[in-house]
Amino acid sequence: MSIKPSSPLAAIRDVLVGTAVESESEDVFSAIGYGLTLAKAAGAHLTVQSASWRLSGDDAWLGDFDYDGVAVIDRRLDALARSIADRSAGDAVQAGVVCSTEAPSLPYPDIVARLAGRARLHDLTVLDAGQRTYDLDHEVIEKALFHSGRPVIAVPPGFDAFASRRVIIAWDGSAQAARAANDAMPFLRAAEAVEIISVAGTEELHTSVPGAEFAPHLARHGVNVSVVNVPVVGDIAETVRNQVKMFHADMLVMGAYGHSRIREFFFGGVTRSLLRSSPAPLFLAH
């Protein structure tokens, strides 16, 4: 289903979804359903990269493993990844979404590098934010975010359909937070309600621009925005989680820092904590 050109989501023309099969038990990839419904809502092209983690080759950690047995596992994982890609393509046809798929079988570092490279060619990338055996999800999210120059939506388990009626912006006055809000503008303009939250109680936030000063900028873009200063309850991540739940937010928009000791407010412990457990999909930009 196409949308009217005047819709804010029409600014999104292509969406990449990345998955990585790492075991023979088929995982549930919420990102695929979320990305498909997002592409449908935006009238955008969907690309699904369903990769399988190839164990044979340069993986020195395999040691004295039976390489014939490993080759069998590789073929099974490849077949599983291809079946996921085929099913995604079929679901896209039924939904009326133009979709292309690829199912590369690659060693772990190459999966991450390929996804980051493909992310540069799309408006945004949708990835799973679950906790799996080898924690591929978080590694892929970080590399896609910091090496693509594009935003990432990290989807927790159970969020199989896109929604952005109510959106929260975690604001600390930083360049990263401003970049995230700007990149998320199509979602903010399409939302029924947007809330800017500034978490009080840290030196970082006391020295930054308060959310009230950012709100007029969003309002000029047609965003229905309000501002809330939230006192810290427990830790910052838990405070943000509680506010997302209270606001019934469909999406949390936040900037991401690198691993700087000086400023790692969001992609330090807070973002990592939210990636492990978030009550809503995370829109991340750097």
Protein backbone atom coordinates (compact mmCIF):
# COMPACT_ATOMS: atom_id res chain seq x y z
CA MET A 1 0.00 0.00 0.00
CA SER A 2 1.50 3.33 -1.02
CA ILE A 3 0.96 6.52 0.97
CA LYS A 4 0.31 10.10 0.09
CA PRO A 5 3.46 12.10 -0.72
CA SER A 6 2.52 14.59 2.00
CA SER A 7 2.83 11.95 4.74
CA PRO A 8 5.88 12.49 6.97
CA LEU A 9 6.86 8.83 6.57
CA ALA A 10 7.17 9.34 2.81
CA ALA A 11 10.66 10.72 3.52
CA ILE A 12 11.75 7.13 4.22
CA ARG A 13 12.42 5.49 0.85
CA ASP A 14 14.35 2.36 1.79
CA VAL A 15 14.67 0.20 4.89
CA LEU A 16 17.29 -2.47 5.62
CA VAL A 17 16.58 -5.35 8.00
CA GLY A 18 19.53 -7.44 9.15
CA THR A 19 19.38 -10.85 10.80
CA ALA A 20 22.08 -13.41 11.62
CA VAL A 21 21.37 -17.12 12.09
CA GLU A 22 23.83 -18.50 14.63
CA SER A 23 22.25 -21.80 15.69
CA GLU A 24 20.15 -24.57 14.18
CA SER A 25 17.20 -23.68 16.38
CA GLU A 26 15.37 -21.03 14.38
CA ASP A 27 15.28 -17.73 16.24
CA VAL A 28 12.29 -15.42 16.20
CA PHE A 29 13.39 -12.23 14.46
CA SER A 30 11.10 -9.41 15.55
CA ALA A 31 13.08 -7.01 13.34
CA ILE A 32 11.75 -8.66 10.17
CA GLY A 33 8.09 -8.11 11.01
CA TYR A 34 8.82 -4.63 12.34
CA GLY A 35 10.80 -3.65 9.25
CA LEU A 36 8.17 -5.05 6.90
CA THR A 37 5.32 -3.14 8.53
CA LEU A 38 7.46 0.02 8.67
CA ALA A 39 8.25 -0.27 4.96
CA LYS A 40 4.56 -0.78 4.22
CA ALA A 41 3.56 2.27 6.27
CA ALA A 42 6.16 4.41 4.52
CA GLY A 43 5.70 3.00 1.04
CA ALA A 44 9.42 2.21 1.12
CA HIS A 45 11.60 -0.46 -0.47
CA LEU A 46 12.58 -3.25 1.94
CA THR A 47 15.90 -5.10 1.89
CA VAL A 48 16.32 -8.17 4.10
CA GLN A 49 19.82 -9.49 4.77
CA SER A 50 19.41 -12.93 6.33
CA ALA A 51 22.98 -14.03 7.02
CA SER A 52 24.25 -17.29 8.48
CA TRP A 53 27.33 -17.45 10.68
CA ARG A 54 29.75 -19.78 8.86
CA LEU A 55 31.87 -21.67 11.37
CA SER A 56 34.42 -23.13 8.97
CA GLY A 57 37.26 -21.12 7.45
CA ASP A 58 39.41 -18.83 9.58
CA ASP A 59 37.77 -19.46 12.94
CA ALA A 60 40.87 -20.49 14.92
CA TRP A 61 38.81 -20.99 18.09
CA LEU A 62 37.37 -24.18 16.57
CA GLY A 63 40.61 -25.94 17.51
CA ASP A 64 40.38 -29.69 16.97
CA PHE A 65 36.70 -29.72 16.04
CA ASP A 66 35.55 -32.15 13.37
CA TYR A 67 35.61 -29.90 10.30
CA ASP A 68 33.40 -32.30 8.33
CA GLY A 69 30.80 -31.94 11.07
CA VAL A 70 31.24 -28.17 11.06
CA ALA A 71 30.68 -28.11 7.30
CA VAL A 72 27.38 -29.92 7.82
CA ILE A 73 26.32 -27.33 10.39
CA ASP A 74 27.32 -24.55 8.00
CA ARG A 75 25.07 -25.98 5.30
CA ARG A 76 22.17 -26.27 7.72
CA LEU A 77 22.58 -22.69 8.93
CA ASP A 78 22.82 -21.48 5.34
CA ALA A 79 19.61 -23.33 4.44
CA LEU A 80 17.86 -21.84 7.46
CA ALA A 81 18.99 -18.31 6.58
CA ARG A 82 17.79 -18.79 2.99
CA SER A 83 14.40 -20.06 4.19
CA ILE A 84 14.04 -16.94 6.35
CA ALA A 85 14.89 -14.75 3.36
CA ASP A 86 12.40 -16.60 1.14
CA ARG A 87 9.66 -16.34 3.74
CA SER A 88 10.36 -12.63 4.17
CA ALA A 89 10.07 -12.13 0.42
CA GLY A 90 6.75 -13.98 0.40
CA ASP A 91 5.39 -11.94 3.30
CA ALA A 92 6.44 -8.75 1.51
CA VAL A 93 4.58 -9.77 -1.65
CA GLN A 94 1.43 -10.40 0.38
CA ALA A 95 1.81 -7.01 2.08
CA GLY A 96 2.36 -5.20 -1.22
CA VAL A 97 5.91 -4.18 -0.29
CA VAL A 98 8.72 -4.15 -2.85
CA CYS A 99 11.43 -6.31 -1.31
CA SER A 100 14.87 -7.65 -2.13
CA THR A 101 16.65 -10.32 -0.09
CA GLU A 102 20.12 -11.73 0.30
CA ALA A 103 21.37 -14.67 2.37
CA PRO A 104 25.17 -14.54 2.66
CA SER A 105 27.04 -17.27 4.55
CA LEU A 106 29.97 -15.53 6.21
CA PRO A 107 32.35 -15.71 9.18
CA TYR A 108 31.27 -13.60 12.12
CA PRO A 109 33.38 -10.46 11.43
CA ASP A 110 32.25 -10.39 7.80
CA ILE A 111 28.57 -10.53 8.77
CA VAL A 112 29.06 -7.40 10.85
CA ALA A 113 31.11 -5.58 8.21
CA ARG A 114 28.71 -6.44 5.38
CA LEU A 115 25.70 -5.25 7.33
CA ALA A 116 27.40 -1.95 8.18
CA GLY A 117 28.30 -1.44 4.54
CA ARG A 118 24.76 -2.16 3.37
CA ALA A 119 23.36 0.18 6.03
CA ARG A 120 25.10 3.13 4.34
CA LEU A 121 22.89 2.55 1.31
CA HIS A 122 19.55 2.79 3.14
CA ASP A 123 17.67 5.48 5.04
CA LEU A 124 17.66 3.38 8.19
CA THR A 125 18.44 -0.09 9.45
CA VAL A 126 16.23 -2.29 11.65
CA LEU A 127 17.98 -4.84 13.86
CA ASP A 128 17.04 -7.18 16.68
CA ALA A 129 18.02 -6.21 20.22
CA GLY A 130 17.69 -9.59 21.88
CA GLN A 131 20.13 -11.58 23.98
CA ARG A 132 21.37 -14.61 22.14
CA THR A 133 24.18 -17.04 22.77
CA TYR A 134 27.02 -15.10 21.15
CA ASP A 135 25.52 -11.65 21.54
CA LEU A 136 25.70 -10.96 17.81
CA ASP A 137 22.83 -8.51 18.10
CA HIS A 138 24.63 -5.86 20.15
CA GLU A 139 27.84 -6.12 18.13
CA VAL A 140 25.95 -5.68 14.86
CA ILE A 141 23.96 -2.74 16.25
CA GLU A 142 27.11 -0.93 17.36
CA LYS A 143 28.98 -1.49 14.10
CA ALA A 144 25.98 -0.55 11.93
CA LEU A 145 25.47 2.60 13.95
CA PHE A 146 29.06 3.83 14.19
CA HIS A 147 30.26 2.79 10.73
CA SER A 148 27.29 3.55 8.49
CA GLY A 149 26.40 7.18 9.25
CA ARG A 150 22.77 6.07 9.32
CA PRO A 151 20.27 5.61 12.16
CA VAL A 152 19.38 2.22 13.57
CA ILE A 153 16.14 1.01 15.12
CA ALA A 154 16.89 -1.72 17.68
CA VAL A 155 13.80 -3.88 18.14
CA PRO A 156 13.29 -5.82 21.41
CA PRO A 157 11.67 -9.27 21.29
CA GLY A 158 7.91 -9.18 20.84
CA PHE A 159 7.69 -5.97 18.79
CA ASP A 160 6.71 -7.53 15.49
CA ALA A 161 4.80 -4.54 14.09
CA PHE A 162 5.85 -0.94 13.60
CA ALA A 163 4.07 1.84 15.51
CA SER A 164 5.00 5.46 16.25
CA ARG A 165 1.86 7.05 17.67
CA ARG A 166 3.64 8.06 20.88
CA VAL A 167 7.39 8.78 20.90
CA ILE A 168 9.83 9.77 23.65
CA ILE A 169 13.06 11.68 23.00
CA ALA A 170 15.80 11.22 25.59
CA TRP A 171 17.38 14.68 25.53
CA ASP A 172 20.69 15.77 27.06
CA GLY A 173 21.47 18.75 24.84
CA SER A 174 24.30 16.95 23.01
CA ALA A 175 25.07 16.95 19.29
CA GLN A 176 24.24 13.23 19.22
CA ALA A 177 20.80 13.81 20.74
CA ALA A 178 20.12 16.59 18.23
CA ARG A 179 21.22 14.32 15.38
CA ALA A 180 18.95 11.53 16.60
CA ALA A 181 15.93 13.83 16.81
CA ASN A 182 16.65 15.21 13.34
CA ASP A 183 17.02 11.73 11.83
CA ALA A 184 13.82 10.63 13.56
CA MET A 185 11.85 13.64 12.27
CA PRO A 186 9.57 11.60 9.96
CA PHE A 187 8.43 9.57 12.98
CA LEU A 188 8.13 12.61 15.23
CA ARG A 189 5.99 14.48 12.69
CA ALA A 190 3.78 11.44 12.15
CA ALA A 191 3.30 10.81 15.89
CA GLU A 192 0.19 11.83 17.77
CA ALA A 193 2.29 12.88 20.79
CA VAL A 194 6.01 13.36 21.42
CA GLU A 195 7.55 13.83 24.86
CA ILE A 196 11.04 15.18 25.49
CA ILE A 197 12.50 13.84 28.73
CA SER A 198 15.56 15.21 30.52
CA VAL A 199 16.72 13.00 33.36
CA ALA A 200 17.68 15.22 36.30
CA GLY A 201 20.29 14.43 38.90
CA THR A 202 23.52 14.09 36.88
CA GLU A 203 26.19 16.69 36.23
CA GLU A 204 26.02 15.85 32.53
CA LEU A 205 22.41 16.92 32.28
CA HIS A 206 22.70 19.95 34.55
CA THR A 207 25.29 21.45 32.19
CA SER A 208 23.36 20.71 28.97
CA VAL A 209 20.57 22.45 27.11
CA PRO A 210 17.20 21.70 28.77
CA GLY A 211 14.52 20.03 26.69
CA ALA A 212 12.29 23.10 26.93
CA GLU A 213 14.68 24.99 24.67
CA PHE A 214 14.57 22.24 22.04
CA ALA A 215 10.78 21.90 21.97
CA PRO A 216 10.08 25.04 19.85
CA HIS A 217 12.31 23.68 17.09
CA LEU A 218 10.23 20.50 16.91
CA ALA A 219 6.98 22.46 17.11
CA ARG A 220 8.03 24.47 14.05
CA HIS A 221 8.26 21.17 12.20
CA GLY A 222 4.69 20.33 13.14
CA VAL A 223 5.53 18.00 16.03
CA ASN A 224 3.01 17.78 18.87
CA VAL A 225 5.59 18.01 21.64
CA SER A 226 5.69 18.31 25.42
CA VAL A 227 8.62 18.42 27.88
CA VAL A 228 9.13 16.57 31.15
CA ASN A 229 12.05 16.75 33.60
CA VAL A 230 12.32 13.34 35.19
CA PRO A 231 14.03 12.74 38.56
CA VAL A 232 16.32 9.74 38.72
CA VAL A 233 14.71 6.71 40.36
CA GLY A 234 17.20 3.88 40.83
CA ASP A 235 19.50 4.43 37.87
CA ILE A 236 19.16 6.44 34.67
CA ALA A 237 18.30 3.47 32.46
CA GLU A 238 15.56 2.34 34.82
CA THR A 239 14.24 5.89 35.05
CA VAL A 240 14.02 6.10 31.25
CA ARG A 241 12.33 2.68 31.10
CA ASN A 242 9.72 3.76 33.65
CA GLN A 243 8.96 6.95 31.72
CA VAL A 244 8.60 5.04 28.45
CA LYS A 245 6.09 2.74 30.14
CA MET A 246 4.16 5.61 31.76
CA PHE A 247 3.90 7.46 28.44
CA HIS A 248 2.96 4.23 26.63
CA ALA A 249 5.63 5.11 24.07
CA ASP A 250 5.94 3.15 20.84
CA MET A 251 9.50 4.36 20.27
CA LEU A 252 12.40 5.84 22.24
CA VAL A 253 14.70 8.23 20.35
CA MET A 254 18.18 8.73 21.72
CA GLY A 255 21.67 9.78 20.68
CA ALA A 256 24.55 7.34 21.00
CA TYR A 257 28.05 8.02 22.23
CA GLY A 258 31.21 6.08 21.53
CA HIS A 259 33.34 4.59 24.23
CA SER A 260 34.67 7.88 25.56
CA ARG A 261 35.32 8.04 29.28
CA ILE A 262 34.27 11.69 29.25
CA ARG A 263 30.88 11.38 27.55
CA GLU A 264 29.31 7.96 27.29
CA PHE A 265 25.96 8.92 28.81
CA PHE A 266 23.86 7.02 26.31
CA PHE A 267 26.04 4.49 24.51
CA GLY A 268 27.76 3.84 27.77
CA GLY A 269 25.89 1.96 30.47
CA VAL A 270 22.48 3.52 29.76
CA THR A 271 22.13 2.47 26.14
CA ARG A 272 23.65 -0.93 26.79
CA SER A 273 21.17 -1.47 29.61
CA LEU A 274 18.28 -0.44 27.39
CA LEU A 275 19.48 -2.71 24.58
CA ARG A 276 19.35 -5.61 27.04
CA SER A 277 15.85 -4.69 28.20
CA SER A 278 13.70 -1.99 26.63
CA PRO A 279 9.93 -1.52 26.80
CA ALA A 280 9.94 -0.04 23.25
CA PRO A 281 12.06 -0.08 20.08
CA LEU A 282 15.10 2.23 20.28
CA PHE A 283 15.79 4.74 17.51
CA LEU A 284 19.55 5.35 17.75
CA ALA A 285 21.75 7.82 15.86
CA HIS A 286 25.35 8.95 16.22
